Amino acid sequence: MEHILPAYSDPLFSIMLIIVISLIIAVATYAWGVYRQQKEAGNLLKFLDKFESAECALDTDQMPFEEHMFKPLTLLAKAFENAGEYHKAINIYLYLTRNVSNDLAKSELLERLGSTYLHAGFLERARSIYVEILRKRPRNPKVLYELGIVYETLHEYDKAKEIIEPLNLLGEETRTLEKFLEYSALTADRKHSTEEKLAALQKLLKEAPELYRPIIASLLQLDTRVAWENIDPERISEILDILWYLPNSQLDLDIIATNTQLATLYYAKGYLQKPAAQSGIFAIDMIATAKQNGFEEADLEFSYLCKKCKQSFPVSFKRCPNCMAINSVKVEEQIAKARTQTDHSLL
């Protein structure tokens, strides 16, 4: 008896079946993708709703959006941000993020929004934004770095240190950041004794000489004698303002007497009466020369330049307030008219 094969054993039928199944899978995949995209967009809108702010000055609620508005509005937001009008910049970034359809543009806007919140001091909002970005795109060194700054500013140094490993995996150089976080955690720690902090700071100074300025400032707060023992005669210009504003009670006259620059500096300051030779620091030498000729009205004023972004600030910093760079401060001195002595220290 001849066997009759089922119809589906026909090769043509099998091919057609495979094609139909493939089409079904493709349609289902597409539908799922559309669903996920819509759900993601809805989740983003719900997420952004948390950042509605009554202090935003621009009324964007009734503003219709068109694609050609994207670039001029981002430029306007950046201008507001640079001018320190963060609430206006935030309002524009929120408006654009809700209305643009391009995922890459949304991601970039969220980064700018997080950065604006960071500079404005809204640290928890910045943290939420950065965590949301990293949930979708974890391989983002800039966002990882700025999230670390948020944790650092919140004094959550353990969390800040957790950022180092993923940055290393992305090929970023993190030694300076690691040492800076070690310094920050050490100076903020209230559990260690003064002696333990002094030993740890001196050890860190040997390992990370780029932290010379902040470490010397911290040593002067803890123990004047130890601080003077670690002051490098070749790096006086880096801490000129700190030395200039030190009160008389914190001077080590034995060390000062053996160093021409220091002796000239404190003669110009008025703490020493014996004229000194030239220091090689123009402003100090001018004041010292004027003092030798009977002019007592000169003083020093300081400004602080970021060597990375070239922004200038009236007060010193460990991180640049503009670009967040570490150890980028350059002390710039100017001769000014003397004011009433207060013996106030920068420390």
C-alpha atoms as a PDB file:
ATOM      1  CA  MET A   1       0.000   0.000   0.000  1.00  0.00           C
ATOM      2  CA  GLU A   2       1.514   3.285  -1.070  1.00  0.00           C
ATOM      3  CA  HIS A   3       2.089   5.802   1.712  1.00  0.00           C
ATOM      4  CA  ILE A   4       0.513   9.191   1.160  1.00  0.00           C
ATOM      5  CA  LEU A   5       2.714  12.011   2.591  1.00  0.00           C
ATOM      6  CA  PRO A   6       0.978  14.908   4.361  1.00  0.00           C
ATOM      7  CA  ALA A   7       0.717  18.110   2.394  1.00  0.00           C
ATOM      8  CA  TYR A   8       3.155  19.891   4.684  1.00  0.00           C
ATOM      9  CA  SER A   9       5.975  17.570   3.580  1.00  0.00           C
ATOM     10  CA  ASP A  10       6.016  19.402   0.258  1.00  0.00           C
ATOM     11  CA  PRO A  11       9.230  21.536   0.146  1.00  0.00           C
ATOM     12  CA  LEU A  12       7.333  24.497  -1.326  1.00  0.00           C
ATOM     13  CA  PHE A  13       4.841  24.362   1.506  1.00  0.00           C
ATOM     14  CA  SER A  14       7.669  24.292   4.055  1.00  0.00           C
ATOM     15  CA  ILE A  15       9.277  27.372   2.498  1.00  0.00           C
ATOM     16  CA  MET A  16       5.978  29.228   2.520  1.00  0.00           C
ATOM     17  CA  LEU A  17       5.430  28.272   6.157  1.00  0.00           C
ATOM     18  CA  ILE A  18       8.868  29.608   7.106  1.00  0.00           C
ATOM     19  CA  ILE A  19       8.158  32.871   5.278  1.00  0.00           C
ATOM     20  CA  VAL A  20       4.804  33.296   7.027  1.00  0.00           C
ATOM     21  CA  ILE A  21       6.352  32.589  10.447  1.00  0.00           C
ATOM     22  CA  SER A  22       9.160  35.054   9.705  1.00  0.00           C
ATOM     23  CA  LEU A  23       6.634  37.728   8.728  1.00  0.00           C
ATOM     24  CA  ILE A  24       4.659  37.110  11.897  1.00  0.00           C
ATOM     25  CA  ILE A  25       7.832  37.407  13.993  1.00  0.00           C
ATOM     26  CA  ALA A  26       8.879  40.578  12.150  1.00  0.00           C
ATOM     27  CA  VAL A  27       5.457  42.205  12.639  1.00  0.00           C
ATOM     28  CA  ALA A  28       5.397  41.190  16.304  1.00  0.00           C
ATOM     29  CA  THR A  29       8.927  42.524  16.834  1.00  0.00           C
ATOM     30  CA  TYR A  30       8.046  45.803  15.134  1.00  0.00           C
ATOM     31  CA  ALA A  31       4.858  46.157  17.180  1.00  0.00           C
ATOM     32  CA  TRP A  32       6.761  45.432  20.379  1.00  0.00           C
ATOM     33  CA  GLY A  33       9.404  47.989  19.420  1.00  0.00           C
ATOM     34  CA  VAL A  34       6.757  50.646  18.772  1.00  0.00           C
ATOM     35  CA  TYR A  35       5.078  49.787  22.071  1.00  0.00           C
ATOM     36  CA  ARG A  36       8.340  50.010  23.976  1.00  0.00           C
ATOM     37  CA  GLN A  37       9.221  53.299  22.283  1.00  0.00           C
ATOM     38  CA  GLN A  38       5.836  54.767  23.196  1.00  0.00           C
ATOM     39  CA  LYS A  39       6.120  53.445  26.738  1.00  0.00           C
ATOM     40  CA  GLU A  40       9.645  54.857  27.030  1.00  0.00           C
ATOM     41  CA  ALA A  41       8.425  58.235  25.791  1.00  0.00           C
ATOM     42  CA  GLY A  42       5.586  58.125  28.322  1.00  0.00           C
ATOM     43  CA  ASN A  43       8.003  57.189  31.096  1.00  0.00           C
ATOM     44  CA  LEU A  44      10.291  60.059  30.112  1.00  0.00           C
ATOM     45  CA  LEU A  45       7.398  62.537  30.255  1.00  0.00           C
ATOM     46  CA  LYS A  46       6.414  61.225  33.694  1.00  0.00           C
ATOM     47  CA  PHE A  47      10.049  61.464  34.762  1.00  0.00           C
ATOM     48  CA  LEU A  48      10.323  65.079  33.535  1.00  0.00           C
ATOM     49  CA  ASP A  49       7.100  66.005  35.327  1.00  0.00           C
ATOM     50  CA  LYS A  50       9.035  65.660  38.578  1.00  0.00           C
ATOM     51  CA  PHE A  51      11.148  68.622  37.554  1.00  0.00           C
ATOM     52  CA  GLU A  52       8.337  71.099  36.949  1.00  0.00           C
ATOM     53  CA  SER A  53       9.489  74.310  38.579  1.00  0.00           C
ATOM     54  CA  ALA A  54       7.480  77.360  39.527  1.00  0.00           C
ATOM     55  CA  GLU A  55      10.575  79.534  39.389  1.00  0.00           C
ATOM     56  CA  CYS A  56      10.952  79.067  35.615  1.00  0.00           C
ATOM     57  CA  ALA A  57      10.380  82.476  34.088  1.00  0.00           C
ATOM     58  CA  LEU A  58       9.637  81.531  30.485  1.00  0.00           C
ATOM     59  CA  ASP A  59       6.098  80.466  29.600  1.00  0.00           C
ATOM     60  CA  THR A  60       6.445  77.429  27.324  1.00  0.00           C
ATOM     61  CA  ASP A  61       3.118  75.783  28.154  1.00  0.00           C
ATOM     62  CA  GLN A  62       1.329  77.238  25.124  1.00  0.00           C
ATOM     63  CA  MET A  63       4.362  77.447  22.840  1.00  0.00           C
ATOM     64  CA  PRO A  64       3.959  75.248  19.714  1.00  0.00           C
ATOM     65  CA  PHE A  65       7.105  73.335  18.814  1.00  0.00           C
ATOM     66  CA  GLU A  66       8.671  73.067  15.367  1.00  0.00           C
ATOM     67  CA  GLU A  67      11.895  71.268  14.480  1.00  0.00           C
ATOM     68  CA  HIS A  68      13.663  74.411  13.255  1.00  0.00           C
ATOM     69  CA  MET A  69      13.317  75.872  16.765  1.00  0.00           C
ATOM     70  CA  PHE A  70      15.701  73.288  18.255  1.00  0.00           C
ATOM     71  CA  LYS A  71      19.050  74.939  17.533  1.00  0.00           C
ATOM     72  CA  PRO A  72      18.163  78.563  18.435  1.00  0.00           C
ATOM     73  CA  LEU A  73      16.484  77.432  21.659  1.00  0.00           C
ATOM     74  CA  THR A  74      19.476  75.328  22.703  1.00  0.00           C
ATOM     75  CA  LEU A  75      21.755  78.308  22.034  1.00  0.00           C
ATOM     76  CA  LEU A  76      19.445  80.528  24.086  1.00  0.00           C
ATOM     77  CA  ALA A  77      19.435  78.020  26.950  1.00  0.00           C
ATOM     78  CA  LYS A  78      23.240  77.854  26.876  1.00  0.00           C
ATOM     79  CA  ALA A  79      23.430  81.664  26.956  1.00  0.00           C
ATOM     80  CA  PHE A  80      21.143  81.718  30.009  1.00  0.00           C
ATOM     81  CA  GLU A  81      23.293  79.040  31.634  1.00  0.00           C
ATOM     82  CA  ASN A  82      26.514  80.970  30.994  1.00  0.00           C
ATOM     83  CA  ALA A  83      24.900  84.091  32.448  1.00  0.00           C
ATOM     84  CA  GLY A  84      23.940  82.203  35.611  1.00  0.00           C
ATOM     85  CA  GLU A  85      20.207  82.332  34.874  1.00  0.00           C
ATOM     86  CA  TYR A  86      19.861  78.623  35.430  1.00  0.00           C
ATOM     87  CA  HIS A  87      16.075  78.620  35.978  1.00  0.00           C
ATOM     88  CA  LYS A  88      15.527  79.958  32.448  1.00  0.00           C
ATOM     89  CA  ALA A  89      17.964  77.457  30.924  1.00  0.00           C
ATOM     90  CA  ILE A  90      16.275  74.611  32.796  1.00  0.00           C
ATOM     91  CA  ASN A  91      12.858  75.658  31.528  1.00  0.00           C
ATOM     92  CA  ILE A  92      14.030  75.589  27.897  1.00  0.00           C
ATOM     93  CA  TYR A  93      15.792  72.234  28.254  1.00  0.00           C
ATOM     94  CA  LEU A  94      12.666  70.688  29.789  1.00  0.00           C
ATOM     95  CA  TYR A  95      10.510  72.090  26.986  1.00  0.00           C
ATOM     96  CA  LEU A  96      12.837  70.777  24.272  1.00  0.00           C
ATOM     97  CA  THR A  97      13.210  67.350  25.877  1.00  0.00           C
ATOM     98  CA  ARG A  98       9.438  66.918  25.922  1.00  0.00           C
ATOM     99  CA  ASN A  99       9.024  67.910  22.285  1.00  0.00           C
ATOM    100  CA  VAL A 100      11.966  66.604  20.245  1.00  0.00           C
ATOM    101  CA  SER A 101      11.488  63.198  18.651  1.00  0.00           C
ATOM    102  CA  ASN A 102      15.135  62.263  18.044  1.00  0.00           C
ATOM    103  CA  ASP A 103      16.451  59.921  20.776  1.00  0.00           C
ATOM    104  CA  LEU A 104      20.028  61.170  20.416  1.00  0.00           C
ATOM    105  CA  ALA A 105      18.855  64.777  20.806  1.00  0.00           C
ATOM    106  CA  LYS A 106      16.804  63.807  23.886  1.00  0.00           C
ATOM    107  CA  SER A 107      19.865  62.174  25.438  1.00  0.00           C
ATOM    108  CA  GLU A 108      22.003  65.253  24.773  1.00  0.00           C
ATOM    109  CA  LEU A 109      19.325  67.530  26.254  1.00  0.00           C
ATOM    110  CA  LEU A 110      19.092  65.391  29.378  1.00  0.00           C
ATOM    111  CA  GLU A 111      22.879  65.675  29.783  1.00  0.00           C
ATOM    112  CA  ARG A 112      22.658  69.458  29.511  1.00  0.00           C
ATOM    113  CA  LEU A 113      19.773  69.509  31.955  1.00  0.00           C
ATOM    114  CA  GLY A 114      21.752  67.459  34.465  1.00  0.00           C
ATOM    115  CA  SER A 115      24.793  69.697  34.060  1.00  0.00           C
ATOM    116  CA  THR A 116      22.660  72.816  34.563  1.00  0.00           C
ATOM    117  CA  TYR A 117      21.137  71.389  37.721  1.00  0.00           C
ATOM    118  CA  LEU A 118      24.656  70.564  38.934  1.00  0.00           C
ATOM    119  CA  HIS A 119      25.968  74.090  38.352  1.00  0.00           C
ATOM    120  CA  ALA A 120      22.826  75.585  39.878  1.00  0.00           C
ATOM    121  CA  GLY A 121      23.318  73.511  43.029  1.00  0.00           C
ATOM    122  CA  PHE A 122      20.222  71.301  42.624  1.00  0.00           C
ATOM    123  CA  LEU A 123      22.249  68.206  43.411  1.00  0.00           C
ATOM    124  CA  GLU A 124      19.439  65.700  43.947  1.00  0.00           C
ATOM    125  CA  ARG A 125      17.811  66.713  40.664  1.00  0.00           C
ATOM    126  CA  ALA A 126      21.158  66.381  38.887  1.00  0.00           C
ATOM    127  CA  ARG A 127      21.662  62.948  40.438  1.00  0.00           C
ATOM    128  CA  SER A 128      18.217  61.777  39.263  1.00  0.00           C
ATOM    129  CA  ILE A 129      18.904  62.993  35.717  1.00  0.00           C
ATOM    130  CA  TYR A 130      22.307  61.290  35.536  1.00  0.00           C
ATOM    131  CA  VAL A 131      20.971  57.993  36.913  1.00  0.00           C
ATOM    132  CA  GLU A 132      18.176  58.086  34.313  1.00  0.00           C
ATOM    133  CA  ILE A 133      20.692  58.673  31.488  1.00  0.00           C
ATOM    134  CA  LEU A 134      22.973  55.867  32.680  1.00  0.00           C
ATOM    135  CA  ARG A 135      20.015  53.480  32.936  1.00  0.00           C
ATOM    136  CA  LYS A 136      19.682  53.716  29.148  1.00  0.00           C
ATOM    137  CA  ARG A 137      23.280  54.416  28.134  1.00  0.00           C
ATOM    138  CA  PRO A 138      25.699  53.256  30.839  1.00  0.00           C
ATOM    139  CA  ARG A 139      28.816  53.784  28.683  1.00  0.00           C
ATOM    140  CA  ASN A 140      28.853  57.562  29.046  1.00  0.00           C
ATOM    141  CA  PRO A 141      32.073  58.834  30.703  1.00  0.00           C
ATOM    142  CA  LYS A 142      30.952  62.465  30.913  1.00  0.00           C
ATOM    143  CA  VAL A 143      27.768  61.584  32.783  1.00  0.00           C
ATOM    144  CA  LEU A 144      29.629  59.129  35.034  1.00  0.00           C
ATOM    145  CA  TYR A 145      32.181  61.807  35.857  1.00  0.00           C
ATOM    146  CA  GLU A 146      29.529  64.425  36.668  1.00  0.00           C
ATOM    147  CA  LEU A 147      27.524  61.953  38.749  1.00  0.00           C
ATOM    148  CA  GLY A 148      30.721  61.434  40.743  1.00  0.00           C
ATOM    149  CA  ILE A 149      30.938  65.206  41.266  1.00  0.00           C
ATOM    150  CA  VAL A 150      27.367  65.194  42.614  1.00  0.00           C
ATOM    151  CA  TYR A 151      28.238  62.485  45.153  1.00  0.00           C
ATOM    152  CA  GLU A 152      31.468  64.292  46.018  1.00  0.00           C
ATOM    153  CA  THR A 153      29.619  67.563  46.631  1.00  0.00           C
ATOM    154  CA  LEU A 154      27.136  65.704  48.823  1.00  0.00           C
ATOM    155  CA  HIS A 155      30.154  64.296  50.747  1.00  0.00           C
ATOM    156  CA  GLU A 156      29.118  60.778  49.746  1.00  0.00           C
ATOM    157  CA  TYR A 157      32.695  59.824  48.950  1.00  0.00           C
ATOM    158  CA  ASP A 158      32.155  56.057  48.923  1.00  0.00           C
ATOM    159  CA  LYS A 159      29.577  56.450  46.153  1.00  0.00           C
ATOM    160  CA  ALA A 160      31.857  58.891  44.322  1.00  0.00           C
ATOM    161  CA  LYS A 161      34.653  56.295  44.392  1.00  0.00           C
ATOM    162  CA  GLU A 162      32.307  53.708  42.830  1.00  0.00           C
ATOM    163  CA  ILE A 163      32.386  55.806  39.646  1.00  0.00           C
ATOM    164  CA  ILE A 164      36.114  55.177  39.202  1.00  0.00           C
ATOM    165  CA  GLU A 165      35.855  51.524  38.122  1.00  0.00           C
ATOM    166  CA  PRO A 166      33.396  52.053  35.227  1.00  0.00           C
ATOM    167  CA  LEU A 167      35.474  55.054  34.089  1.00  0.00           C
ATOM    168  CA  ASN A 168      38.561  52.823  34.048  1.00  0.00           C
ATOM    169  CA  LEU A 169      36.687  50.223  32.003  1.00  0.00           C
ATOM    170  CA  LEU A 170      35.894  52.968  29.480  1.00  0.00           C
ATOM    171  CA  GLY A 171      39.594  53.798  29.194  1.00  0.00           C
ATOM    172  CA  GLU A 172      39.489  57.037  31.192  1.00  0.00           C
ATOM    173  CA  GLU A 173      42.494  58.223  33.232  1.00  0.00           C
ATOM    174  CA  THR A 174      41.312  58.343  36.845  1.00  0.00           C
ATOM    175  CA  ARG A 175      44.452  58.577  39.003  1.00  0.00           C
ATOM    176  CA  THR A 176      44.053  62.299  39.709  1.00  0.00           C
ATOM    177  CA  LEU A 177      40.369  61.862  40.507  1.00  0.00           C
ATOM    178  CA  GLU A 178      41.102  58.920  42.798  1.00  0.00           C
ATOM    179  CA  LYS A 179      43.727  60.854  44.774  1.00  0.00           C
ATOM    180  CA  PHE A 180      41.520  63.925  44.963  1.00  0.00           C
ATOM    181  CA  LEU A 181      38.641  61.871  46.377  1.00  0.00           C
ATOM    182  CA  GLU A 182      41.048  60.287  48.847  1.00  0.00           C
ATOM    183  CA  TYR A 183      42.122  63.782  49.964  1.00  0.00           C
ATOM    184  CA  SER A 184      38.518  65.040  50.181  1.00  0.00           C
ATOM    185  CA  ALA A 185      37.341  62.034  52.190  1.00  0.00           C
ATOM    186  CA  LEU A 186      40.330  62.313  54.527  1.00  0.00           C
ATOM    187  CA  THR A 187      39.825  66.001  55.321  1.00  0.00           C
ATOM    188  CA  ALA A 188      36.080  65.524  55.848  1.00  0.00           C
ATOM    189  CA  ASP A 189      36.512  62.493  58.115  1.00  0.00           C
ATOM    190  CA  ARG A 190      35.950  63.291  61.802  1.00  0.00           C
ATOM    191  CA  LYS A 191      36.832  59.814  63.077  1.00  0.00           C
ATOM    192  CA  HIS A 192      40.592  60.044  62.553  1.00  0.00           C
ATOM    193  CA  SER A 193      42.789  61.856  65.074  1.00  0.00           C
ATOM    194  CA  THR A 194      44.851  64.899  64.111  1.00  0.00           C
ATOM    195  CA  GLU A 195      48.035  62.811  64.182  1.00  0.00           C
ATOM    196  CA  GLU A 196      46.506  60.214  61.848  1.00  0.00           C
ATOM    197  CA  LYS A 197      45.354  62.925  59.432  1.00  0.00           C
ATOM    198  CA  LEU A 198      48.780  64.583  59.456  1.00  0.00           C
ATOM    199  CA  ALA A 199      50.498  61.284  58.651  1.00  0.00           C
ATOM    200  CA  ALA A 200      47.971  60.439  55.922  1.00  0.00           C
ATOM    201  CA  LEU A 201      48.199  63.902  54.313  1.00  0.00           C
ATOM    202  CA  GLN A 202      52.005  63.814  54.209  1.00  0.00           C
ATOM    203  CA  LYS A 203      51.906  60.341  52.665  1.00  0.00           C
ATOM    204  CA  LEU A 204      49.358  61.554  50.096  1.00  0.00           C
ATOM    205  CA  LEU A 205      51.525  64.585  49.281  1.00  0.00           C
ATOM    206  CA  LYS A 206      54.375  62.248  48.309  1.00  0.00           C
ATOM    207  CA  GLU A 207      52.069  60.093  46.191  1.00  0.00           C
ATOM    208  CA  ALA A 208      50.205  62.994  44.560  1.00  0.00           C
ATOM    209  CA  PRO A 209      52.377  66.147  44.481  1.00  0.00           C
ATOM    210  CA  GLU A 210      49.755  67.755  42.194  1.00  0.00           C
ATOM    211  CA  LEU A 211      47.639  68.157  45.367  1.00  0.00           C
ATOM    212  CA  TYR A 212      50.347  70.353  46.921  1.00  0.00           C
ATOM    213  CA  ARG A 213      48.196  73.472  47.361  1.00  0.00           C
ATOM    214  CA  PRO A 214      45.139  71.891  49.065  1.00  0.00           C
ATOM    215  CA  ILE A 215      47.284  69.583  51.201  1.00  0.00           C
ATOM    216  CA  ILE A 216      49.462  72.442  52.487  1.00  0.00           C
ATOM    217  CA  ALA A 217      46.308  74.437  53.289  1.00  0.00           C
ATOM    218  CA  SER A 218      44.934  71.463  55.244  1.00  0.00           C
ATOM    219  CA  LEU A 219      48.241  70.917  57.072  1.00  0.00           C
ATOM    220  CA  LEU A 220      48.271  74.575  58.143  1.00  0.00           C
ATOM    221  CA  GLN A 221      44.842  74.073  59.677  1.00  0.00           C
ATOM    222  CA  LEU A 222      46.024  71.015  61.603  1.00  0.00           C
ATOM    223  CA  ASP A 223      49.618  71.748  62.633  1.00  0.00           C
ATOM    224  CA  THR A 224      51.621  74.827  61.626  1.00  0.00           C
ATOM    225  CA  ARG A 225      55.018  73.227  62.320  1.00  0.00           C
ATOM    226  CA  VAL A 226      54.310  70.166  60.158  1.00  0.00           C
ATOM    227  CA  ALA A 227      52.935  72.382  57.389  1.00  0.00           C
ATOM    228  CA  TRP A 228      56.080  74.539  57.264  1.00  0.00           C
ATOM    229  CA  GLU A 229      58.244  71.420  57.147  1.00  0.00           C
ATOM    230  CA  ASN A 230      56.403  70.391  53.972  1.00  0.00           C
ATOM    231  CA  ILE A 231      56.419  73.759  52.192  1.00  0.00           C
ATOM    232  CA  ASP A 232      58.520  73.458  49.032  1.00  0.00           C
ATOM    233  CA  PRO A 233      60.687  76.568  48.389  1.00  0.00           C
ATOM    234  CA  GLU A 234      60.346  75.879  44.645  1.00  0.00           C
ATOM    235  CA  ARG A 235      56.537  76.038  44.769  1.00  0.00           C
ATOM    236  CA  ILE A 236      55.928  79.206  46.779  1.00  0.00           C
ATOM    237  CA  SER A 237      54.072  80.876  43.891  1.00  0.00           C
ATOM    238  CA  GLU A 238      51.395  78.142  44.075  1.00  0.00           C
ATOM    239  CA  ILE A 239      50.487  79.077  47.656  1.00  0.00           C
ATOM    240  CA  LEU A 240      51.444  82.756  47.595  1.00  0.00           C
ATOM    241  CA  ASP A 241      47.993  83.926  48.690  1.00  0.00           C
ATOM    242  CA  ILE A 242      47.863  81.403  51.547  1.00  0.00           C
ATOM    243  CA  LEU A 243      51.269  82.543  52.807  1.00  0.00           C
ATOM    244  CA  TRP A 244      50.392  86.228  52.390  1.00  0.00           C
ATOM    245  CA  TYR A 245      47.231  85.966  54.482  1.00  0.00           C
ATOM    246  CA  LEU A 246      48.764  83.806  57.239  1.00  0.00           C
ATOM    247  CA  PRO A 247      48.548  85.512  60.640  1.00  0.00           C
ATOM    248  CA  ASN A 248      51.809  86.343  62.390  1.00  0.00           C
ATOM    249  CA  SER A 249      51.167  83.588  64.934  1.00  0.00           C
ATOM    250  CA  GLN A 250      51.427  80.908  62.234  1.00  0.00           C
ATOM    251  CA  LEU A 251      54.838  81.917  60.881  1.00  0.00           C
ATOM    252  CA  ASP A 252      57.947  79.774  61.339  1.00  0.00           C
ATOM    253  CA  LEU A 253      60.626  82.449  61.484  1.00  0.00           C
ATOM    254  CA  ASP A 254      63.499  79.932  61.477  1.00  0.00           C
ATOM    255  CA  ILE A 255      62.389  78.509  58.111  1.00  0.00           C
ATOM    256  CA  ILE A 256      61.528  81.946  56.721  1.00  0.00           C
ATOM    257  CA  ALA A 257      64.989  83.312  57.587  1.00  0.00           C
ATOM    258  CA  THR A 258      66.668  80.614  55.475  1.00  0.00           C
ATOM    259  CA  ASN A 259      64.637  81.338  52.328  1.00  0.00           C
ATOM    260  CA  THR A 260      65.072  84.549  50.314  1.00  0.00           C
ATOM    261  CA  GLN A 261      61.606  84.442  48.758  1.00  0.00           C
ATOM    262  CA  LEU A 262      59.881  83.928  52.099  1.00  0.00           C
ATOM    263  CA  ALA A 263      61.981  86.585  53.826  1.00  0.00           C
ATOM    264  CA  THR A 264      61.170  89.121  51.088  1.00  0.00           C
ATOM    265  CA  LEU A 265      57.486  88.170  51.162  1.00  0.00           C
ATOM    266  CA  TYR A 266      57.160  88.743  54.907  1.00  0.00           C
ATOM    267  CA  TYR A 267      59.239  91.920  54.779  1.00  0.00           C
ATOM    268  CA  ALA A 268      56.804  93.206  52.127  1.00  0.00           C
ATOM    269  CA  LYS A 269      53.917  92.057  54.319  1.00  0.00           C
ATOM    270  CA  GLY A 270      55.339  94.003  57.271  1.00  0.00           C
ATOM    271  CA  TYR A 271      56.071  91.067  59.565  1.00  0.00           C
ATOM    272  CA  LEU A 272      59.878  91.386  59.236  1.00  0.00           C
ATOM    273  CA  GLN A 273      61.809  94.613  59.725  1.00  0.00           C
ATOM    274  CA  LYS A 274      65.064  93.643  58.040  1.00  0.00           C
ATOM    275  CA  PRO A 275      65.183  94.460  54.294  1.00  0.00           C
ATOM    276  CA  ALA A 276      65.541  91.381  52.106  1.00  0.00           C
ATOM    277  CA  ALA A 277      66.934  90.667  48.670  1.00  0.00           C
ATOM    278  CA  GLN A 278      64.774  90.262  45.569  1.00  0.00           C
ATOM    279  CA  SER A 279      62.420  87.261  45.577  1.00  0.00           C
ATOM    280  CA  GLY A 280      61.864  86.899  41.839  1.00  0.00           C
ATOM    281  CA  ILE A 281      58.125  87.493  42.282  1.00  0.00           C
ATOM    282  CA  PHE A 282      57.463  90.859  40.630  1.00  0.00           C
ATOM    283  CA  ALA A 283      54.623  92.089  42.849  1.00  0.00           C
ATOM    284  CA  ILE A 284      56.432  91.102  46.065  1.00  0.00           C
ATOM    285  CA  ASP A 285      59.651  92.785  44.945  1.00  0.00           C
ATOM    286  CA  MET A 286      57.801  95.995  44.022  1.00  0.00           C
ATOM    287  CA  ILE A 287      56.140  96.198  47.437  1.00  0.00           C
ATOM    288  CA  ALA A 288      59.428  95.409  49.218  1.00  0.00           C
ATOM    289  CA  THR A 289      61.251  98.108  47.228  1.00  0.00           C
ATOM    290  CA  ALA A 290      58.497 100.632  47.955  1.00  0.00           C
ATOM    291  CA  LYS A 291      58.657  99.744  51.654  1.00  0.00           C
ATOM    292  CA  GLN A 292      62.440 100.300  51.727  1.00  0.00           C
ATOM    293  CA  ASN A 293      61.786 103.768  50.317  1.00  0.00           C
ATOM    294  CA  GLY A 294      59.249 104.589  53.011  1.00  0.00           C
ATOM    295  CA  PHE A 295      56.024 103.807  51.130  1.00  0.00           C
ATOM    296  CA  GLU A 296      53.749 101.710  53.343  1.00  0.00           C
ATOM    297  CA  GLU A 297      50.497 101.899  51.373  1.00  0.00           C
ATOM    298  CA  ALA A 298      50.932  98.829  49.130  1.00  0.00           C
ATOM    299  CA  ASP A 299      49.218  95.461  49.532  1.00  0.00           C
ATOM    300  CA  LEU A 300      48.450  92.374  47.446  1.00  0.00           C
ATOM    301  CA  GLU A 301      45.122  91.229  46.049  1.00  0.00           C
ATOM    302  CA  PHE A 302      44.554  87.858  44.412  1.00  0.00           C
ATOM    303  CA  SER A 303      42.401  86.367  41.690  1.00  0.00           C
ATOM    304  CA  TYR A 304      42.214  82.741  40.622  1.00  0.00           C
ATOM    305  CA  LEU A 305      42.424  81.514  37.039  1.00  0.00           C
ATOM    306  CA  CYS A 306      41.379  78.067  35.871  1.00  0.00           C
ATOM    307  CA  LYS A 307      44.209  76.795  33.697  1.00  0.00           C
ATOM    308  CA  LYS A 308      41.800  74.580  31.761  1.00  0.00           C
ATOM    309  CA  CYS A 309      38.846  76.813  30.846  1.00  0.00           C
ATOM    310  CA  LYS A 310      40.651  80.177  31.446  1.00  0.00           C
ATOM    311  CA  GLN A 311      37.809  81.544  33.588  1.00  0.00           C
ATOM    312  CA  SER A 312      38.854  83.881  36.412  1.00  0.00           C
ATOM    313  CA  PHE A 313      37.289  83.912  39.894  1.00  0.00           C
ATOM    314  CA  PRO A 314      37.631  86.166  42.952  1.00  0.00           C
ATOM    315  CA  VAL A 315      37.957  83.240  45.386  1.00  0.00           C
ATOM    316  CA  SER A 316      40.089  80.124  45.376  1.00  0.00           C
ATOM    317  CA  PHE A 317      38.756  76.687  44.466  1.00  0.00           C
ATOM    318  CA  LYS A 318      39.709  73.006  44.504  1.00  0.00           C
ATOM    319  CA  ARG A 319      37.445  72.277  41.545  1.00  0.00           C
ATOM    320  CA  CYS A 320      36.848  74.926  38.910  1.00  0.00           C
ATOM    321  CA  PRO A 321      33.290  76.251  39.417  1.00  0.00           C
ATOM    322  CA  ASN A 322      32.884  76.451  35.630  1.00  0.00           C
ATOM    323  CA  CYS A 323      34.454  73.323  34.100  1.00  0.00           C
ATOM    324  CA  MET A 324      34.826  71.240  37.308  1.00  0.00           C
ATOM    325  CA  ALA A 325      38.520  70.535  36.598  1.00  0.00           C
ATOM    326  CA  ILE A 326      40.653  69.360  39.533  1.00  0.00           C
ATOM    327  CA  ASN A 327      43.888  71.139  40.544  1.00  0.00           C
ATOM    328  CA  SER A 328      43.529  73.705  37.764  1.00  0.00           C
ATOM    329  CA  VAL A 329      43.804  76.866  39.885  1.00  0.00           C
ATOM    330  CA  LYS A 330      46.487  79.433  39.075  1.00  0.00           C
ATOM    331  CA  VAL A 331      47.057  82.183  41.646  1.00  0.00           C
ATOM    332  CA  GLU A 332      47.395  85.653  40.135  1.00  0.00           C
ATOM    333  CA  GLU A 333      48.539  88.526  42.326  1.00  0.00           C
ATOM    334  CA  GLN A 334      48.046  92.277  41.823  1.00  0.00           C
ATOM    335  CA  ILE A 335      49.432  95.227  43.763  1.00  0.00           C
ATOM    336  CA  ALA A 336      46.682  97.187  45.510  1.00  0.00           C
ATOM    337  CA  LYS A 337      46.303  99.945  48.070  1.00  0.00           C
ATOM    338  CA  ALA A 338      46.710  98.682  51.615  1.00  0.00           C
ATOM    339  CA  ARG A 339      43.606  98.257  53.745  1.00  0.00           C
ATOM    340  CA  THR A 340      43.264  98.037  57.505  1.00  0.00           C
ATOM    341  CA  GLN A 341      45.103  94.938  58.697  1.00  0.00           C
ATOM    342  CA  THR A 342      42.742  92.267  60.046  1.00  0.00           C
ATOM    343  CA  ASP A 343      45.138  89.308  60.310  1.00  0.00           C
ATOM    344  CA  HIS A 344      42.436  87.135  58.709  1.00  0.00           C
ATOM    345  CA  SER A 345      43.705  83.928  57.169  1.00  0.00           C
ATOM    346  CA  LEU A 346      42.450  82.232  54.008  1.00  0.00           C
ATOM    347  CA  LEU A 347      42.399  79.053  56.048  1.00  0.00           C
END
